PDB file of N, CA and C in Angstrom:
ATOM      1  N   UNK A   1     -28.402  -8.552  22.048  1.00  0.00           N
ATOM      2  CA  UNK A   1     -26.987  -8.167  21.261  1.00  0.00           C
ATOM      3  C   UNK A   1     -27.319  -6.858  20.192  1.00  0.00           C
ATOM      4  N   UNK A   2     -26.751  -5.867  20.360  1.00  0.00           N
ATOM      5  CA  UNK A   2     -27.049  -4.639  19.525  1.00  0.00           C
ATOM      6  C   UNK A   2     -26.964  -5.129  18.136  1.00  0.00           C
ATOM      7  N   UNK A   3     -27.759  -4.434  17.445  1.00  0.00           N
ATOM      8  CA  UNK A   3     -27.695  -4.869  15.850  1.00  0.00           C
ATOM      9  C   UNK A   3     -26.452  -3.848  15.367  1.00  0.00           C
ATOM     10  N   UNK A   4     -26.181  -2.839  15.776  1.00  0.00           N
ATOM     11  CA  UNK A   4     -24.953  -2.326  15.688  1.00  0.00           C
ATOM     12  C   UNK A   4     -24.003  -3.135  15.741  1.00  0.00           C
ATOM     13  N   UNK A   5     -23.520  -3.830  16.748  1.00  0.00           N
ATOM     14  CA  UNK A   5     -22.516  -4.161  17.217  1.00  0.00           C
ATOM     15  C   UNK A   5     -22.363  -5.397  16.489  1.00  0.00           C
ATOM     16  N   UNK A   6     -23.555  -6.316  16.213  1.00  0.00           N
ATOM     17  CA  UNK A   6     -23.458  -7.151  15.004  1.00  0.00           C
ATOM     18  C   UNK A   6     -22.807  -6.866  13.831  1.00  0.00           C
ATOM     19  N   UNK A   7     -23.438  -5.605  13.110  1.00  0.00           N
ATOM     20  CA  UNK A   7     -22.820  -5.251  12.139  1.00  0.00           C
ATOM     21  C   UNK A   7     -21.542  -4.985  11.786  1.00  0.00           C
ATOM     22  N   UNK A   8     -20.748  -4.565  13.205  1.00  0.00           N
ATOM     23  CA  UNK A   8     -19.601  -4.075  13.265  1.00  0.00           C
ATOM     24  C   UNK A   8     -18.738  -5.324  13.263  1.00  0.00           C
ATOM     25  N   UNK A   9     -19.442  -6.297  14.318  1.00  0.00           N
ATOM     26  CA  UNK A   9     -18.496  -7.573  14.175  1.00  0.00           C
ATOM     27  C   UNK A   9     -18.661  -8.154  12.485  1.00  0.00           C
ATOM     28  N   UNK A  10     -19.327  -8.086  12.053  1.00  0.00           N
ATOM     29  CA  UNK A  10     -19.593  -8.628  10.637  1.00  0.00           C
ATOM     30  C   UNK A  10     -18.599  -8.349   9.710  1.00  0.00           C
ATOM     31  N   UNK A  11     -18.423  -6.796   9.921  1.00  0.00           N
ATOM     32  CA  UNK A  11     -17.537  -5.684   9.051  1.00  0.00           C
ATOM     33  C   UNK A  11     -16.011  -6.248   9.149  1.00  0.00           C
ATOM     34  N   UNK A  12     -16.102  -6.098  10.961  1.00  0.00           N
ATOM     35  CA  UNK A  12     -14.425  -6.483  11.031  1.00  0.00           C
ATOM     36  C   UNK A  12     -14.061  -7.897  10.705  1.00  0.00           C
ATOM     37  N   UNK A  13     -14.932  -8.947  10.985  1.00  0.00           N
ATOM     38  CA  UNK A  13     -14.824 -10.387  10.377  1.00  0.00           C
ATOM     39  C   UNK A  13     -14.253 -10.462   8.956  1.00  0.00           C
ATOM     40  N   UNK A  14     -15.353  -9.714   8.276  1.00  0.00           N
ATOM     41  CA  UNK A  14     -15.269  -9.321   6.715  1.00  0.00           C
ATOM     42  C   UNK A  14     -13.782  -8.733   6.278  1.00  0.00           C
ATOM     43  N   UNK A  15     -13.309  -7.936   6.807  1.00  0.00           N
ATOM     44  CA  UNK A  15     -12.075  -7.387   7.030  1.00  0.00           C
ATOM     45  C   UNK A  15     -10.667  -8.026   7.155  1.00  0.00           C
ATOM     46  N   UNK A  16     -11.138  -8.891   8.233  1.00  0.00           N
ATOM     47  CA  UNK A  16      -9.884 -10.044   8.408  1.00  0.00           C
ATOM     48  C   UNK A  16     -10.036 -11.190   7.453  1.00  0.00           C
ATOM     49  N   UNK A  17     -10.951 -11.280   6.807  1.00  0.00           N
ATOM     50  CA  UNK A  17     -10.870 -12.444   5.650  1.00  0.00           C
ATOM     51  C   UNK A  17     -10.367 -11.433   4.694  1.00  0.00           C
ATOM     52  N   UNK A  18     -11.006 -10.596   3.946  1.00  0.00           N
ATOM     53  CA  UNK A  18     -10.162  -9.810   2.769  1.00  0.00           C
ATOM     54  C   UNK A  18      -8.770  -9.422   2.710  1.00  0.00           C
ATOM     55  N   UNK A  19      -8.133  -9.023   4.008  1.00  0.00           N
ATOM     56  CA  UNK A  19      -6.856  -8.714   4.560  1.00  0.00           C
ATOM     57  C   UNK A  19      -5.877  -9.999   4.424  1.00  0.00           C
ATOM     58  N   UNK A  20      -6.456 -11.177   5.034  1.00  0.00           N
ATOM     59  CA  UNK A  20      -5.765 -12.321   4.818  1.00  0.00           C
ATOM     60  C   UNK A  20      -5.554 -12.760   3.057  1.00  0.00           C
ATOM     61  N   UNK A  21      -6.280 -12.508   2.325  1.00  0.00           N
ATOM     62  CA  UNK A  21      -6.357 -12.742   0.935  1.00  0.00           C
ATOM     63  C   UNK A  21      -5.156 -11.719   0.340  1.00  0.00           C
ATOM     64  N   UNK A  22      -5.424 -10.540   1.028  1.00  0.00           N
ATOM     65  CA  UNK A  22      -4.342  -9.425   0.608  1.00  0.00           C
ATOM     66  C   UNK A  22      -2.884  -9.968   0.976  1.00  0.00           C
ATOM     67  N   UNK A  23      -2.642 -10.583   1.845  1.00  0.00           N
ATOM     68  CA  UNK A  23      -1.207 -10.982   2.063  1.00  0.00           C
ATOM     69  C   UNK A  23      -1.007 -11.766   1.328  1.00  0.00           C
ATOM     70  N   UNK A  24      -1.767 -12.820   1.121  1.00  0.00           N
ATOM     71  CA  UNK A  24      -1.625 -14.090   0.126  1.00  0.00           C
ATOM     72  C   UNK A  24      -1.040 -13.312  -1.301  1.00  0.00           C
ATOM     73  N   UNK A  25      -1.706 -12.488  -1.674  1.00  0.00           N
ATOM     74  CA  UNK A  25      -1.692 -11.832  -3.296  1.00  0.00           C
ATOM     75  C   UNK A  25      -0.180 -11.035  -3.065  1.00  0.00           C
ATOM     76  N   UNK A  26      -0.056 -10.252  -1.854  1.00  0.00           N
ATOM     77  CA  UNK A  26       1.478  -9.723  -2.000  1.00  0.00           C
ATOM     78  C   UNK A  26       2.258 -10.909  -2.010  1.00  0.00           C
ATOM     79  N   UNK A  27       2.285 -11.717  -1.335  1.00  0.00           N
ATOM     80  CA  UNK A  27       3.504 -12.763  -1.237  1.00  0.00           C
ATOM     81  C   UNK A  27       3.327 -13.527  -2.941  1.00  0.00           C
ATOM     82  N   UNK A  28       2.368 -13.768  -3.625  1.00  0.00           N
ATOM     83  CA  UNK A  28       2.632 -13.960  -4.911  1.00  0.00           C
ATOM     84  C   UNK A  28       2.944 -13.155  -5.338  1.00  0.00           C
ATOM     85  N   UNK A  29       2.815 -11.926  -5.534  1.00  0.00           N
ATOM     86  CA  UNK A  29       3.203 -10.751  -6.369  1.00  0.00           C
ATOM     87  C   UNK A  29       4.503 -10.821  -6.162  1.00  0.00           C
ATOM     88  N   UNK A  30       5.049 -10.755  -4.725  1.00  0.00           N
ATOM     89  CA  UNK A  30       6.626 -10.509  -4.525  1.00  0.00           C
ATOM     90  C   UNK A  30       7.337 -11.473  -5.273  1.00  0.00           C
ATOM     91  N   UNK A  31       7.032 -12.658  -5.423  1.00  0.00           N
ATOM     92  CA  UNK A  31       7.497 -13.847  -5.998  1.00  0.00           C
ATOM     93  C   UNK A  31       8.020 -13.509  -7.227  1.00  0.00           C
ATOM     94  N   UNK A  32       7.438 -12.894  -8.169  1.00  0.00           N
ATOM     95  CA  UNK A  32       7.633 -11.865  -9.260  1.00  0.00           C
ATOM     96  C   UNK A  32       8.392 -10.910  -9.365  1.00  0.00           C
ATOM     97  N   UNK A  33       8.613 -10.198  -8.313  1.00  0.00           N
ATOM     98  CA  UNK A  33       9.805  -9.163  -8.460  1.00  0.00           C
ATOM     99  C   UNK A  33      11.453  -9.807  -9.019  1.00  0.00           C
ATOM    100  N   UNK A  34      11.901  -8.791  -9.394  1.00  0.00           N
ATOM    101  CA  UNK A  34      13.734  -8.665 -10.012  1.00  0.00           C
ATOM    102  C   UNK A  34      14.136  -7.359  -9.957  1.00  0.00           C
ATOM    103  N   UNK A  35      15.110  -7.504  -9.974  1.00  0.00           N
ATOM    104  CA  UNK A  35      15.734  -5.873 -10.203  1.00  0.00           C
ATOM    105  C   UNK A  35      15.297  -4.845 -11.076  1.00  0.00           C
ATOM    106  N   UNK A  36      14.226  -5.226 -12.043  1.00  0.00           N
ATOM    107  CA  UNK A  36      13.680  -4.202 -12.587  1.00  0.00           C
ATOM    108  C   UNK A  36      12.654  -3.735 -11.973  1.00  0.00           C
ATOM    109  N   UNK A  37      12.611  -1.999 -12.082  1.00  0.00           N
ATOM    110  CA  UNK A  37      11.428  -1.383 -11.403  1.00  0.00           C
ATOM    111  C   UNK A  37      10.026  -1.648 -11.926  1.00  0.00           C
ATOM    112  N   UNK A  38       9.914  -1.890 -13.091  1.00  0.00           N
ATOM    113  CA  UNK A  38       8.497  -2.399 -13.900  1.00  0.00           C
ATOM    114  C   UNK A  38       8.066  -3.605 -13.090  1.00  0.00           C
ATOM    115  N   UNK A  39       8.889  -4.428 -12.720  1.00  0.00           N
ATOM    116  CA  UNK A  39       8.587  -5.525 -11.884  1.00  0.00           C
ATOM    117  C   UNK A  39       7.231  -5.408 -11.026  1.00  0.00           C
ATOM    118  N   UNK A  40       7.242  -4.455 -10.487  1.00  0.00           N
ATOM    119  CA  UNK A  40       6.162  -3.873  -9.362  1.00  0.00           C
ATOM    120  C   UNK A  40       4.986  -3.693 -10.036  1.00  0.00           C
ATOM    121  N   UNK A  41       5.047  -3.726 -11.199  1.00  0.00           N
ATOM    122  CA  UNK A  41       3.401  -3.244 -11.857  1.00  0.00           C
ATOM    123  C   UNK A  41       3.343  -5.084 -12.182  1.00  0.00           C
ATOM    124  N   UNK A  42       2.848  -5.574 -11.178  1.00  0.00           N
ATOM    125  CA  UNK A  42       2.254  -6.809 -11.744  1.00  0.00           C
ATOM    126  C   UNK A  42       1.029  -7.220 -10.847  1.00  0.00           C
ATOM    127  N   UNK A  43      -0.229  -7.807 -11.231  1.00  0.00           N
ATOM    128  CA  UNK A  43      -1.563  -7.981 -11.254  1.00  0.00           C
ATOM    129  C   UNK A  43      -1.524  -8.485  -9.637  1.00  0.00           C
ATOM    130  N   UNK A  44      -0.990  -9.131  -9.385  1.00  0.00           N
ATOM    131  CA  UNK A  44      -0.897 -10.016  -8.170  1.00  0.00           C
ATOM    132  C   UNK A  44      -0.652  -9.008  -7.008  1.00  0.00           C
ATOM    133  N   UNK A  45       0.478  -8.563  -7.078  1.00  0.00           N
ATOM    134  CA  UNK A  45       1.037  -7.596  -6.212  1.00  0.00           C
ATOM    135  C   UNK A  45       0.175  -6.104  -5.727  1.00  0.00           C
ATOM    136  N   UNK A  46      -0.502  -5.842  -7.301  1.00  0.00           N
ATOM    137  CA  UNK A  46      -1.511  -4.786  -7.319  1.00  0.00           C
ATOM    138  C   UNK A  46      -2.842  -5.183  -6.514  1.00  0.00           C
ATOM    139  N   UNK A  47      -3.275  -6.410  -6.760  1.00  0.00           N
ATOM    140  CA  UNK A  47      -4.316  -6.762  -6.305  1.00  0.00           C
ATOM    141  C   UNK A  47      -4.223  -7.118  -4.876  1.00  0.00           C
ATOM    142  N   UNK A  48      -2.865  -7.709  -4.096  1.00  0.00           N
ATOM    143  CA  UNK A  48      -2.817  -7.568  -2.696  1.00  0.00           C
ATOM    144  C   UNK A  48      -3.009  -6.201  -2.359  1.00  0.00           C
ATOM    145  N   UNK A  49      -2.492  -4.889  -2.688  1.00  0.00           N
ATOM    146  CA  UNK A  49      -2.379  -3.852  -2.202  1.00  0.00           C
ATOM    147  C   UNK A  49      -3.843  -3.453  -2.072  1.00  0.00           C
ATOM    148  N   UNK A  50      -4.230  -3.646  -3.344  1.00  0.00           N
ATOM    149  CA  UNK A  50      -5.769  -3.283  -3.082  1.00  0.00           C
ATOM    150  C   UNK A  50      -6.915  -3.586  -2.085  1.00  0.00           C
ATOM    151  N   UNK A  51      -6.392  -5.166  -1.951  1.00  0.00           N
ATOM    152  CA  UNK A  51      -7.480  -5.989  -0.885  1.00  0.00           C
ATOM    153  C   UNK A  51      -7.101  -5.482   0.352  1.00  0.00           C
ATOM    154  N   UNK A  52      -5.429  -4.943   0.891  1.00  0.00           N
ATOM    155  CA  UNK A  52      -4.932  -4.441   1.836  1.00  0.00           C
ATOM    156  C   UNK A  52      -6.006  -3.075   2.212  1.00  0.00           C
ATOM    157  N   UNK A  53      -5.907  -2.128   1.455  1.00  0.00           N
ATOM    158  CA  UNK A  53      -6.180  -0.990   1.129  1.00  0.00           C
ATOM    159  C   UNK A  53      -7.990  -1.057   1.736  1.00  0.00           C
ATOM    160  N   UNK A  54      -8.508  -2.162   1.036  1.00  0.00           N
ATOM    161  CA  UNK A  54     -10.371  -2.514   1.149  1.00  0.00           C
ATOM    162  C   UNK A  54     -10.574  -2.896   2.381  1.00  0.00           C
ATOM    163  N   UNK A  55      -9.403  -3.805   2.779  1.00  0.00           N
ATOM    164  CA  UNK A  55      -9.590  -4.552   4.293  1.00  0.00           C
ATOM    165  C   UNK A  55      -9.954  -3.142   5.253  1.00  0.00           C
ATOM    166  N   UNK A  56      -8.773  -2.144   5.078  1.00  0.00           N
ATOM    167  CA  UNK A  56      -8.449  -1.218   5.940  1.00  0.00           C
ATOM    168  C   UNK A  56      -9.700  -0.148   6.133  1.00  0.00           C
ATOM    169  N   UNK A  57     -10.449   0.037   5.050  1.00  0.00           N
ATOM    170  CA  UNK A  57     -11.510   0.776   4.717  1.00  0.00           C
ATOM    171  C   UNK A  57     -12.691  -0.039   5.768  1.00  0.00           C
ATOM    172  N   UNK A  58     -12.812  -1.229   5.504  1.00  0.00           N
ATOM    173  CA  UNK A  58     -14.188  -2.261   5.675  1.00  0.00           C
ATOM    174  C   UNK A  58     -13.622  -2.102   7.618  1.00  0.00           C
ATOM    175  N   UNK A  59     -12.538  -2.351   7.957  1.00  0.00           N
ATOM    176  CA  UNK A  59     -12.103  -2.151   9.017  1.00  0.00           C
ATOM    177  C   UNK A  59     -12.739  -0.937  10.269  1.00  0.00           C
ATOM    178  N   UNK A  60     -12.534   0.119   9.354  1.00  0.00           N
ATOM    179  CA  UNK A  60     -12.674   1.521   9.697  1.00  0.00           C
ATOM    180  C   UNK A  60     -14.028   1.790  10.065  1.00  0.00           C
ATOM    181  N   UNK A  61     -14.810   1.264   9.073  1.00  0.00           N
ATOM    182  CA  UNK A  61     -16.059   1.207   9.378  1.00  0.00           C
ATOM    183  C   UNK A  61     -16.922   0.221  10.123  1.00  0.00           C
ATOM    184  N   UNK A  62     -16.251  -0.722  10.461  1.00  0.00           N
ATOM    185  CA  UNK A  62     -16.518  -1.571  11.471  1.00  0.00           C
ATOM    186  C   UNK A  62     -16.422  -1.247  12.974  1.00  0.00           C
ATOM    187  N   UNK A  63     -15.089  -0.550  13.077  1.00  0.00           N
ATOM    188  CA  UNK A  63     -14.930   0.141  13.995  1.00  0.00           C
ATOM    189  C   UNK A  63     -15.680   0.917  14.662  1.00  0.00           C
ATOM    190  N   UNK A  64     -16.328   1.841  13.770  1.00  0.00           N
ATOM    191  CA  UNK A  64     -17.229   2.879  14.441  1.00  0.00           C
ATOM    192  C   UNK A  64     -18.272   2.662  15.282  1.00  0.00           C
ATOM    193  N   UNK A  65     -18.815   1.162  14.881  1.00  0.00           N
ATOM    194  CA  UNK A  65     -20.289   0.978  15.560  1.00  0.00           C
ATOM    195  C   UNK A  65     -19.919  -0.111  16.956  1.00  0.00           C
ATOM    196  N   UNK A  66     -18.629  -0.304  17.185  1.00  0.00           N
ATOM    197  CA  UNK A  66     -18.515  -1.441  18.090  1.00  0.00           C
ATOM    198  C   UNK A  66     -17.358  -0.857  19.150  1.00  0.00           C
ATOM    199  N   UNK A  67     -17.169  -1.673  19.826  1.00  0.00           N
ATOM    200  CA  UNK A  67     -16.505  -1.584  21.068  1.00  0.00           C
ATOM    201  C   UNK A  67     -14.779  -2.414  20.616  1.00  0.00           C
ATOM    202  N   UNK A  68     -13.518  -1.783  20.695  1.00  0.00           N
ATOM    203  CA  UNK A  68     -12.539  -2.115  20.266  1.00  0.00           C
ATOM    204  C   UNK A  68     -12.115  -3.445  21.170  1.00  0.00           C
ATOM    205  N   UNK A  69     -12.699  -3.711  22.386  1.00  0.00           N
ATOM    206  CA  UNK A  69     -12.115  -4.972  23.020  1.00  0.00           C
ATOM    207  C   UNK A  69     -13.092  -6.066  22.695  1.00  0.00           C
ATOM    208  N   UNK A  70     -14.239  -6.217  21.736  1.00  0.00           N
ATOM    209  CA  UNK A  70     -14.670  -6.734  21.311  1.00  0.00           C
ATOM    210  C   UNK A  70     -14.506  -7.241  19.919  1.00  0.00           C
ATOM    211  N   UNK A  71     -14.046  -6.413  19.353  1.00  0.00           N
ATOM    212  CA  UNK A  71     -13.955  -6.509  17.640  1.00  0.00           C
ATOM    213  C   UNK A  71     -12.246  -6.733  17.599  1.00  0.00           C
ATOM    214  N   UNK A  72     -11.323  -6.430  18.468  1.00  0.00           N
ATOM    215  CA  UNK A  72     -10.330  -6.661  18.331  1.00  0.00           C
ATOM    216  C   UNK A  72      -9.722  -8.143  18.197  1.00  0.00           C
ATOM    217  N   UNK A  73     -10.245  -8.917  18.943  1.00  0.00           N
ATOM    218  CA  UNK A  73     -10.094 -10.366  18.956  1.00  0.00           C
ATOM    219  C   UNK A  73     -10.595 -10.921  17.406  1.00  0.00           C
ATOM    220  N   UNK A  74     -11.361 -10.215  16.777  1.00  0.00           N
ATOM    221  CA  UNK A  74     -11.912 -10.957  15.591  1.00  0.00           C
ATOM    222  C   UNK A  74     -11.183 -10.570  14.576  1.00  0.00           C
ATOM    223  N   UNK A  75      -9.988  -9.488  14.857  1.00  0.00           N
ATOM    224  CA  UNK A  75      -8.907  -9.163  13.742  1.00  0.00           C
ATOM    225  C   UNK A  75      -7.818 -10.207  13.675  1.00  0.00           C
ATOM    226  N   UNK A  76      -7.614 -10.956  14.627  1.00  0.00           N
ATOM    227  CA  UNK A  76      -6.680 -11.646  14.953  1.00  0.00           C
ATOM    228  C   UNK A  76      -6.960 -13.135  14.315  1.00  0.00           C
ATOM    229  N   UNK A  77      -8.452 -12.919  13.895  1.00  0.00           N
ATOM    230  CA  UNK A  77      -8.727 -14.344  12.947  1.00  0.00           C
ATOM    231  C   UNK A  77      -7.978 -14.297  11.855  1.00  0.00           C
ATOM    232  N   UNK A  78      -8.001 -12.891  10.955  1.00  0.00           N
ATOM    233  CA  UNK A  78      -7.353 -12.814  10.011  1.00  0.00           C
ATOM    234  C   UNK A  78      -5.818 -13.437   9.740  1.00  0.00           C
ATOM    235  N   UNK A  79      -5.039 -13.779  11.125  1.00  0.00           N
ATOM    236  CA  UNK A  79      -3.544 -14.376  10.746  1.00  0.00           C
ATOM    237  C   UNK A  79      -3.999 -15.763  10.474  1.00  0.00           C
ATOM    238  N   UNK A  80      -5.401 -16.362  11.295  1.00  0.00           N
ATOM    239  CA  UNK A  80      -5.352 -17.728  10.918  1.00  0.00           C
ATOM    240  C   UNK A  80      -5.921 -17.890   9.683  1.00  0.00           C
ATOM    241  N   UNK A  81      -6.743 -16.800   8.902  1.00  0.00           N
ATOM    242  CA  UNK A  81      -7.107 -17.412   7.562  1.00  0.00           C
ATOM    243  C   UNK A  81      -5.991 -17.161   6.688  1.00  0.00           C
ATOM    244  N   UNK A  82      -5.097 -16.348   7.166  1.00  0.00           N
ATOM    245  CA  UNK A  82      -3.764 -16.409   6.235  1.00  0.00           C
ATOM    246  C   UNK A  82      -3.137 -17.516   6.358  1.00  0.00           C
ATOM    247  N   UNK A  83      -3.106 -18.324   7.436  1.00  0.00           N
ATOM    248  CA  UNK A  83      -2.255 -19.378   7.156  1.00  0.00           C
ATOM    249  C   UNK A  83      -3.110 -20.408   6.433  1.00  0.00           C
ATOM    250  N   UNK A  84      -4.457 -20.469   6.251  1.00  0.00           N
ATOM    251  CA  UNK A  84      -5.229 -21.526   5.745  1.00  0.00           C
ATOM    252  C   UNK A  84      -5.203 -21.363   4.322  1.00  0.00           C
ATOM    253  N   UNK A  85      -5.108 -19.920   3.861  1.00  0.00           N
ATOM    254  CA  UNK A  85      -4.940 -19.240   2.373  1.00  0.00           C
ATOM    255  C   UNK A  85      -3.473 -19.716   1.629  1.00  0.00           C
ATOM    256  N   UNK A  86      -2.866 -19.619   2.540  1.00  0.00           N
ATOM    257  CA  UNK A  86      -1.088 -19.696   2.315  1.00  0.00           C
ATOM    258  C   UNK A  86      -0.835 -21.246   1.890  1.00  0.00           C
ATOM    259  N   UNK A  87      -1.566 -22.037   2.651  1.00  0.00           N
ATOM    260  CA  UNK A  87      -1.626 -23.679   2.770  1.00  0.00           C
ATOM    261  C   UNK A  87      -2.438 -23.882   1.403  1.00  0.00           C
ATOM    262  N   UNK A  88      -3.228 -23.137   1.319  1.00  0.00           N
ATOM    263  CA  UNK A  88      -4.071 -24.217   0.118  1.00  0.00           C
ATOM    264  C   UNK A  88      -3.524 -23.676  -1.237  1.00  0.00           C
ATOM    265  N   UNK A  89      -2.806 -22.334  -1.017  1.00  0.00           N
ATOM    266  CA  UNK A  89      -2.094 -21.801  -2.576  1.00  0.00           C
ATOM    267  C   UNK A  89      -0.738 -21.983  -2.774  1.00  0.00           C
TER     268      UNK A  89
END
């Protein structure tokens, strides 16, 4: 197996894990929202957005060196991780 493809697979897998944490923190932050606009400035919501943005950057870096037909099934693992983290939290 090509070392560049392995690197891409690892990056996409890592992006899936990071993105799944982002989803959980977005949910935790959304629970703190109320009718006040300033409620959008809470640490969990900001962390969730940051993790989602970070996972998008990592995902884009991973796509550079691999084939989408190989990497995209790894992305779907993010949904599984999200279910696991949500159950644990």
